[in-house]
PDB file of all heavy atoms in Angstrom:
ATOM      1  N   ILE A   1      -2.338  -7.271   3.706  1.00  0.00           N
ATOM      2  CA  ILE A   1      -2.709  -8.352   4.622  1.00  0.00           C
ATOM      3  C   ILE A   1      -4.094  -8.117   5.216  1.00  0.00           C
ATOM      4  O   ILE A   1      -4.493  -8.805   6.137  1.00  0.00           O
ATOM      5  CB  ILE A   1      -1.655  -8.543   5.737  1.00  0.00           C
ATOM      6  CG1 ILE A   1      -1.435  -7.259   6.532  1.00  0.00           C
ATOM      7  CG2 ILE A   1      -0.336  -9.045   5.152  1.00  0.00           C
ATOM      8  CD1 ILE A   1      -0.527  -7.405   7.734  1.00  0.00           C
ATOM      9  N   GLY A   2      -4.795  -7.151   4.668  1.00  0.00           N
ATOM     10  CA  GLY A   2      -6.143  -6.844   5.117  1.00  0.00           C
ATOM     11  C   GLY A   2      -6.973  -6.393   3.936  1.00  0.00           C
ATOM     12  O   GLY A   2      -6.592  -6.578   2.780  1.00  0.00           O
ATOM     13  N   THR A   3      -8.084  -5.775   4.226  1.00  0.00           N
ATOM     14  CA  THR A   3      -8.989  -5.322   3.170  1.00  0.00           C
ATOM     15  C   THR A   3      -8.676  -3.881   2.784  1.00  0.00           C
ATOM     16  O   THR A   3      -9.421  -2.960   3.098  1.00  0.00           O
ATOM     17  CB  THR A   3     -10.452  -5.448   3.630  1.00  0.00           C
ATOM     18  OG1 THR A   3     -10.576  -4.763   4.885  1.00  0.00           O
ATOM     19  CG2 THR A   3     -10.858  -6.889   3.801  1.00  0.00           C
ATOM     20  N   TYR A   4      -7.535  -3.703   2.132  1.00  0.00           N
ATOM     21  CA  TYR A   4      -7.108  -2.395   1.671  1.00  0.00           C
ATOM     22  C   TYR A   4      -6.179  -2.569   0.477  1.00  0.00           C
ATOM     23  O   TYR A   4      -5.739  -3.673   0.181  1.00  0.00           O
ATOM     24  CB  TYR A   4      -6.391  -1.605   2.787  1.00  0.00           C
ATOM     25  CG  TYR A   4      -5.191  -2.317   3.369  1.00  0.00           C
ATOM     26  CD1 TYR A   4      -3.930  -2.141   2.811  1.00  0.00           C
ATOM     27  CD2 TYR A   4      -5.323  -3.170   4.460  1.00  0.00           C
ATOM     28  CE1 TYR A   4      -2.823  -2.796   3.318  1.00  0.00           C
ATOM     29  CE2 TYR A   4      -4.226  -3.826   4.975  1.00  0.00           C
ATOM     30  CZ  TYR A   4      -2.977  -3.638   4.412  1.00  0.00           C
ATOM     31  OH  TYR A   4      -1.887  -4.292   4.923  1.00  0.00           O
ATOM     32  N   SER A   5      -5.869  -1.489  -0.195  1.00  0.00           N
ATOM     33  CA  SER A   5      -4.959  -1.501  -1.335  1.00  0.00           C
ATOM     34  C   SER A   5      -3.578  -1.051  -0.883  1.00  0.00           C
ATOM     35  O   SER A   5      -3.440  -0.347   0.117  1.00  0.00           O
ATOM     36  CB  SER A   5      -5.457  -0.534  -2.414  1.00  0.00           C
ATOM     37  OG  SER A   5      -6.748  -0.898  -2.843  1.00  0.00           O
ATOM     38  N   GLN A   6      -2.560  -1.404  -1.662  1.00  0.00           N
ATOM     39  CA  GLN A   6      -1.207  -0.931  -1.345  1.00  0.00           C
ATOM     40  C   GLN A   6      -1.157   0.591  -1.420  1.00  0.00           C
ATOM     41  O   GLN A   6      -0.470   1.229  -0.633  1.00  0.00           O
ATOM     42  CB  GLN A   6      -0.181  -1.535  -2.301  1.00  0.00           C
ATOM     43  CG  GLN A   6       0.052  -3.017  -2.086  1.00  0.00           C
ATOM     44  CD  GLN A   6       0.940  -3.602  -3.164  1.00  0.00           C
ATOM     45  OE1 GLN A   6       0.886  -3.205  -4.321  1.00  0.00           O
ATOM     46  NE2 GLN A   6       1.764  -4.563  -2.777  1.00  0.00           N
ATOM     47  N   ALA A   7      -1.887   1.146  -2.368  1.00  0.00           N
ATOM     48  CA  ALA A   7      -1.982   2.605  -2.487  1.00  0.00           C
ATOM     49  C   ALA A   7      -3.187   2.953  -3.346  1.00  0.00           C
ATOM     50  O   ALA A   7      -3.678   2.127  -4.116  1.00  0.00           O
ATOM     51  CB  ALA A   7      -0.714   3.184  -3.111  1.00  0.00           C
ATOM     52  N   VAL A   8      -3.625   4.191  -3.198  1.00  0.00           N
ATOM     53  CA  VAL A   8      -4.707   4.722  -4.026  1.00  0.00           C
ATOM     54  C   VAL A   8      -4.225   6.064  -4.571  1.00  0.00           C
ATOM     55  O   VAL A   8      -3.772   6.927  -3.811  1.00  0.00           O
ATOM     56  CB  VAL A   8      -6.007   4.912  -3.219  1.00  0.00           C
ATOM     57  CG1 VAL A   8      -7.081   5.545  -4.085  1.00  0.00           C
ATOM     58  CG2 VAL A   8      -6.484   3.580  -2.649  1.00  0.00           C
ATOM     59  N   LYS A   9      -4.325   6.206  -5.881  1.00  0.00           N
ATOM     60  CA  LYS A   9      -3.919   7.439  -6.550  1.00  0.00           C
ATOM     61  C   LYS A   9      -5.179   8.212  -6.915  1.00  0.00           C
ATOM     62  O   LYS A   9      -6.066   7.685  -7.579  1.00  0.00           O
ATOM     63  CB  LYS A   9      -3.119   7.093  -7.807  1.00  0.00           C
ATOM     64  CG  LYS A   9      -2.582   8.263  -8.572  1.00  0.00           C
ATOM     65  CD  LYS A   9      -1.741   7.740  -9.750  1.00  0.00           C
ATOM     66  CE  LYS A   9      -1.193   8.836 -10.595  1.00  0.00           C
ATOM     67  NZ  LYS A   9      -0.402   8.304 -11.729  1.00  0.00           N
ATOM     68  N   VAL A  10      -5.263   9.451  -6.459  1.00  0.00           N
ATOM     69  CA  VAL A  10      -6.376  10.335  -6.781  1.00  0.00           C
ATOM     70  C   VAL A  10      -5.778  11.572  -7.439  1.00  0.00           C
ATOM     71  O   VAL A  10      -5.082  12.357  -6.792  1.00  0.00           O
ATOM     72  CB  VAL A  10      -7.185  10.725  -5.524  1.00  0.00           C
ATOM     73  CG1 VAL A  10      -8.318  11.672  -5.887  1.00  0.00           C
ATOM     74  CG2 VAL A  10      -7.711   9.491  -4.812  1.00  0.00           C
ATOM     75  N   ASP A  11      -6.003  11.676  -8.739  1.00  0.00           N
ATOM     76  CA  ASP A  11      -5.392  12.737  -9.532  1.00  0.00           C
ATOM     77  C   ASP A  11      -3.868  12.694  -9.353  1.00  0.00           C
ATOM     78  O   ASP A  11      -3.257  11.717  -9.728  1.00  0.00           O
ATOM     79  CB  ASP A  11      -5.999  14.100  -9.205  1.00  0.00           C
ATOM     80  CG  ASP A  11      -7.483  14.149  -9.579  1.00  0.00           C
ATOM     81  OD1 ASP A  11      -7.870  13.522 -10.581  1.00  0.00           O
ATOM     82  OD2 ASP A  11      -8.247  14.809  -8.864  1.00  0.00           O
ATOM     83  N   HIS A  12      -3.260  13.691  -8.742  1.00  0.00           N
ATOM     84  CA  HIS A  12      -1.802  13.736  -8.599  1.00  0.00           C
ATOM     85  C   HIS A  12      -1.334  13.372  -7.191  1.00  0.00           C
ATOM     86  O   HIS A  12      -0.151  13.512  -6.883  1.00  0.00           O
ATOM     87  CB  HIS A  12      -1.281  15.119  -8.976  1.00  0.00           C
ATOM     88  CG  HIS A  12      -1.640  15.505 -10.373  1.00  0.00           C
ATOM     89  ND1 HIS A  12      -1.054  14.923 -11.470  1.00  0.00           N
ATOM     90  CD2 HIS A  12      -2.547  16.373 -10.852  1.00  0.00           C
ATOM     91  CE1 HIS A  12      -1.576  15.432 -12.563  1.00  0.00           C
ATOM     92  NE2 HIS A  12      -2.497  16.315 -12.218  1.00  0.00           N
ATOM     93  N   THR A  13      -2.247  12.917  -6.349  1.00  0.00           N
ATOM     94  CA  THR A  13      -1.911  12.551  -4.978  1.00  0.00           C
ATOM     95  C   THR A  13      -2.040  11.044  -4.805  1.00  0.00           C
ATOM     96  O   THR A  13      -3.016  10.445  -5.255  1.00  0.00           O
ATOM     97  CB  THR A  13      -2.831  13.278  -3.979  1.00  0.00           C
ATOM     98  OG1 THR A  13      -2.741  14.689  -4.230  1.00  0.00           O
ATOM     99  CG2 THR A  13      -2.429  12.998  -2.552  1.00  0.00           C
ATOM    100  N   VAL A  14      -1.041  10.455  -4.148  1.00  0.00           N
ATOM    101  CA  VAL A  14      -1.051   9.014  -3.902  1.00  0.00           C
ATOM    102  C   VAL A  14      -1.009   8.788  -2.395  1.00  0.00           C
ATOM    103  O   VAL A  14      -0.161   9.343  -1.696  1.00  0.00           O
ATOM    104  CB  VAL A  14       0.153   8.311  -4.568  1.00  0.00           C
ATOM    105  CG1 VAL A  14       0.084   6.805  -4.345  1.00  0.00           C
ATOM    106  CG2 VAL A  14       0.212   8.638  -6.058  1.00  0.00           C
ATOM    107  N   TYR A  15      -1.928   7.973  -1.917  1.00  0.00           N
ATOM    108  CA  TYR A  15      -2.007   7.622  -0.500  1.00  0.00           C
ATOM    109  C   TYR A  15      -1.464   6.204  -0.357  1.00  0.00           C
ATOM    110  O   TYR A  15      -2.103   5.247  -0.803  1.00  0.00           O
ATOM    111  CB  TYR A  15      -3.454   7.718  -0.013  1.00  0.00           C
ATOM    112  CG  TYR A  15      -4.014   9.113  -0.200  1.00  0.00           C
ATOM    113  CD1 TYR A  15      -4.665   9.474  -1.381  1.00  0.00           C
ATOM    114  CD2 TYR A  15      -3.858  10.072   0.793  1.00  0.00           C
ATOM    115  CE1 TYR A  15      -5.150  10.755  -1.567  1.00  0.00           C
ATOM    116  CE2 TYR A  15      -4.344  11.364   0.604  1.00  0.00           C
ATOM    117  CZ  TYR A  15      -4.985  11.693  -0.569  1.00  0.00           C
ATOM    118  OH  TYR A  15      -5.469  12.969  -0.754  1.00  0.00           O
ATOM    119  N   LEU A  16      -0.269   6.083   0.231  1.00  0.00           N
ATOM    120  CA  LEU A  16       0.383   4.788   0.389  1.00  0.00           C
ATOM    121  C   LEU A  16      -0.017   4.184   1.724  1.00  0.00           C
ATOM    122  O   LEU A  16       0.148   4.809   2.783  1.00  0.00           O
ATOM    123  CB  LEU A  16       1.904   4.938   0.328  1.00  0.00           C
ATOM    124  CG  LEU A  16       2.483   5.326  -1.033  1.00  0.00           C
ATOM    125  CD1 LEU A  16       2.456   6.823  -1.249  1.00  0.00           C
ATOM    126  CD2 LEU A  16       3.890   4.813  -1.166  1.00  0.00           C
ATOM    127  N   SER A  17      -0.538   2.969   1.680  1.00  0.00           N
ATOM    128  CA  SER A  17      -0.943   2.279   2.901  1.00  0.00           C
ATOM    129  C   SER A  17       0.277   1.919   3.732  1.00  0.00           C
ATOM    130  O   SER A  17       1.402   1.885   3.241  1.00  0.00           O
ATOM    131  CB  SER A  17      -1.719   1.010   2.553  1.00  0.00           C
ATOM    132  OG  SER A  17      -2.942   1.344   1.954  1.00  0.00           O
ATOM    133  N   GLY A  18       0.033   1.624   4.992  1.00  0.00           N
ATOM    134  CA  GLY A  18       1.108   1.266   5.903  1.00  0.00           C
ATOM    135  C   GLY A  18       1.904   0.063   5.408  1.00  0.00           C
ATOM    136  O   GLY A  18       1.328  -0.907   4.925  1.00  0.00           O
ATOM    137  N   GLN A  19       3.209   0.181   5.533  1.00  0.00           N
ATOM    138  CA  GLN A  19       4.115  -0.909   5.177  1.00  0.00           C
ATOM    139  C   GLN A  19       4.860  -1.347   6.428  1.00  0.00           C
ATOM    140  O   GLN A  19       5.291  -0.515   7.229  1.00  0.00           O
ATOM    141  CB  GLN A  19       5.119  -0.458   4.111  1.00  0.00           C
ATOM    142  CG  GLN A  19       4.509  -0.233   2.755  1.00  0.00           C
ATOM    143  CD  GLN A  19       4.023  -1.522   2.110  1.00  0.00           C
ATOM    144  OE1 GLN A  19       4.625  -2.589   2.252  1.00  0.00           O
ATOM    145  NE2 GLN A  19       2.913  -1.439   1.394  1.00  0.00           N
ATOM    146  N   ILE A  20       4.969  -2.650   6.583  1.00  0.00           N
ATOM    147  CA  ILE A  20       5.744  -3.230   7.673  1.00  0.00           C
ATOM    148  C   ILE A  20       6.907  -4.004   7.048  1.00  0.00           C
ATOM    149  O   ILE A  20       6.956  -4.159   5.829  1.00  0.00           O
ATOM    150  CB  ILE A  20       4.856  -4.113   8.586  1.00  0.00           C
ATOM    151  CG1 ILE A  20       4.223  -5.261   7.817  1.00  0.00           C
ATOM    152  CG2 ILE A  20       3.777  -3.258   9.267  1.00  0.00           C
ATOM    153  CD1 ILE A  20       3.416  -6.235   8.686  1.00  0.00           C
ATOM    154  N   PRO A  21       7.863  -4.487   7.846  1.00  0.00           N
ATOM    155  CA  PRO A  21       9.049  -5.122   7.272  1.00  0.00           C
ATOM    156  C   PRO A  21       8.823  -6.539   6.740  1.00  0.00           C
ATOM    157  O   PRO A  21       9.522  -7.489   7.100  1.00  0.00           O
ATOM    158  CB  PRO A  21      10.071  -5.090   8.411  1.00  0.00           C
ATOM    159  CG  PRO A  21       9.266  -5.023   9.646  1.00  0.00           C
ATOM    160  CD  PRO A  21       8.012  -4.278   9.292  1.00  0.00           C
ATOM    161  N   LEU A  22       7.842  -6.673   5.866  1.00  0.00           N
ATOM    162  CA  LEU A  22       7.581  -7.960   5.213  1.00  0.00           C
ATOM    163  C   LEU A  22       8.407  -8.063   3.941  1.00  0.00           C
ATOM    164  O   LEU A  22       8.522  -7.097   3.186  1.00  0.00           O
ATOM    165  CB  LEU A  22       6.106  -8.077   4.828  1.00  0.00           C
ATOM    166  CG  LEU A  22       5.098  -8.397   5.921  1.00  0.00           C
ATOM    167  CD1 LEU A  22       3.684  -8.297   5.362  1.00  0.00           C
ATOM    168  CD2 LEU A  22       5.342  -9.779   6.490  1.00  0.00           C
ATOM    169  N   VAL A  23       8.950  -9.244   3.693  1.00  0.00           N
ATOM    170  CA  VAL A  23       9.643  -9.528   2.441  1.00  0.00           C
ATOM    171  C   VAL A  23       8.565  -9.914   1.430  1.00  0.00           C
ATOM    172  O   VAL A  23       7.811 -10.857   1.664  1.00  0.00           O
ATOM    173  CB  VAL A  23      10.660 -10.678   2.625  1.00  0.00           C
ATOM    174  CG1 VAL A  23      11.334 -11.023   1.317  1.00  0.00           C
ATOM    175  CG2 VAL A  23      11.675 -10.312   3.704  1.00  0.00           C
ATOM    176  N   PRO A  24       8.450  -9.191   0.312  1.00  0.00           N
ATOM    177  CA  PRO A  24       7.346  -9.430  -0.621  1.00  0.00           C
ATOM    178  C   PRO A  24       7.262 -10.866  -1.157  1.00  0.00           C
ATOM    179  O   PRO A  24       6.167 -11.415  -1.258  1.00  0.00           O
ATOM    180  CB  PRO A  24       7.623  -8.460  -1.771  1.00  0.00           C
ATOM    181  CG  PRO A  24       8.506  -7.428  -1.210  1.00  0.00           C
ATOM    182  CD  PRO A  24       9.305  -8.087  -0.124  1.00  0.00           C
ATOM    183  N   GLU A  25       8.402 -11.458  -1.453  1.00  0.00           N
ATOM    184  CA  GLU A  25       8.398 -12.799  -2.058  1.00  0.00           C
ATOM    185  C   GLU A  25       7.914 -13.883  -1.102  1.00  0.00           C
ATOM    186  O   GLU A  25       7.311 -14.868  -1.524  1.00  0.00           O
ATOM    187  CB  GLU A  25       9.811 -13.160  -2.559  1.00  0.00           C
ATOM    188  CG  GLU A  25      10.342 -12.241  -3.639  1.00  0.00           C
ATOM    189  CD  GLU A  25      10.917 -10.929  -3.111  1.00  0.00           C
ATOM    190  OE1 GLU A  25      11.162 -10.798  -1.894  1.00  0.00           O
ATOM    191  OE2 GLU A  25      11.101 -10.015  -3.937  1.00  0.00           O
ATOM    192  N   THR A  26       8.179 -13.723   0.191  1.00  0.00           N
ATOM    193  CA  THR A  26       7.837 -14.772   1.163  1.00  0.00           C
ATOM    194  C   THR A  26       6.717 -14.376   2.111  1.00  0.00           C
ATOM    195  O   THR A  26       6.177 -15.231   2.816  1.00  0.00           O
ATOM    196  CB  THR A  26       9.071 -15.132   1.998  1.00  0.00           C
ATOM    197  OG1 THR A  26       9.489 -13.966   2.743  1.00  0.00           O
ATOM    198  CG2 THR A  26      10.207 -15.644   1.122  1.00  0.00           C
TER     199      THR A  26
END
Protein backbone atom coordinates (compact mmCIF):
# COMPACT_ATOMS: atom_id res chain seq x y z
CA ILE A 1 0.00 0.00 0.00
CA GLY A 2 3.07 2.19 -0.28
CA THR A 3 6.32 2.46 -2.17
CA TYR A 4 7.86 -0.83 -1.06
CA SER A 5 7.94 -4.51 -2.01
CA GLN A 6 6.23 -7.36 -0.19
CA ALA A 7 9.70 -8.77 0.40
CA VAL A 8 13.27 -8.54 -0.83
CA LYS A 9 15.48 -11.61 -1.06
CA VAL A 10 19.23 -11.05 -0.79
CA ASP A 11 21.13 -14.29 -1.27
CA HIS A 12 19.65 -16.59 1.42
CA THR A 13 18.02 -13.87 3.53
CA VAL A 14 14.51 -12.56 2.93
CA TYR A 15 13.26 -9.30 4.42
CA LEU A 16 9.46 -9.43 4.66
CA SER A 17 7.72 -6.06 4.76
CA GLY A 18 5.11 -5.30 7.38
CA GLN A 19 1.81 -7.10 6.97
CA ILE A 20 -1.48 -5.89 8.37
CA PRO A 21 -4.80 -7.79 8.48
CA LEU A 22 -5.76 -7.02 4.88
CA VAL A 23 -7.62 -9.62 2.84
CA PRO A 24 -5.57 -9.93 -0.39
CA GLU A 25 -8.54 -10.36 -2.74
CA THR A 26 -10.44 -7.28 -1.51
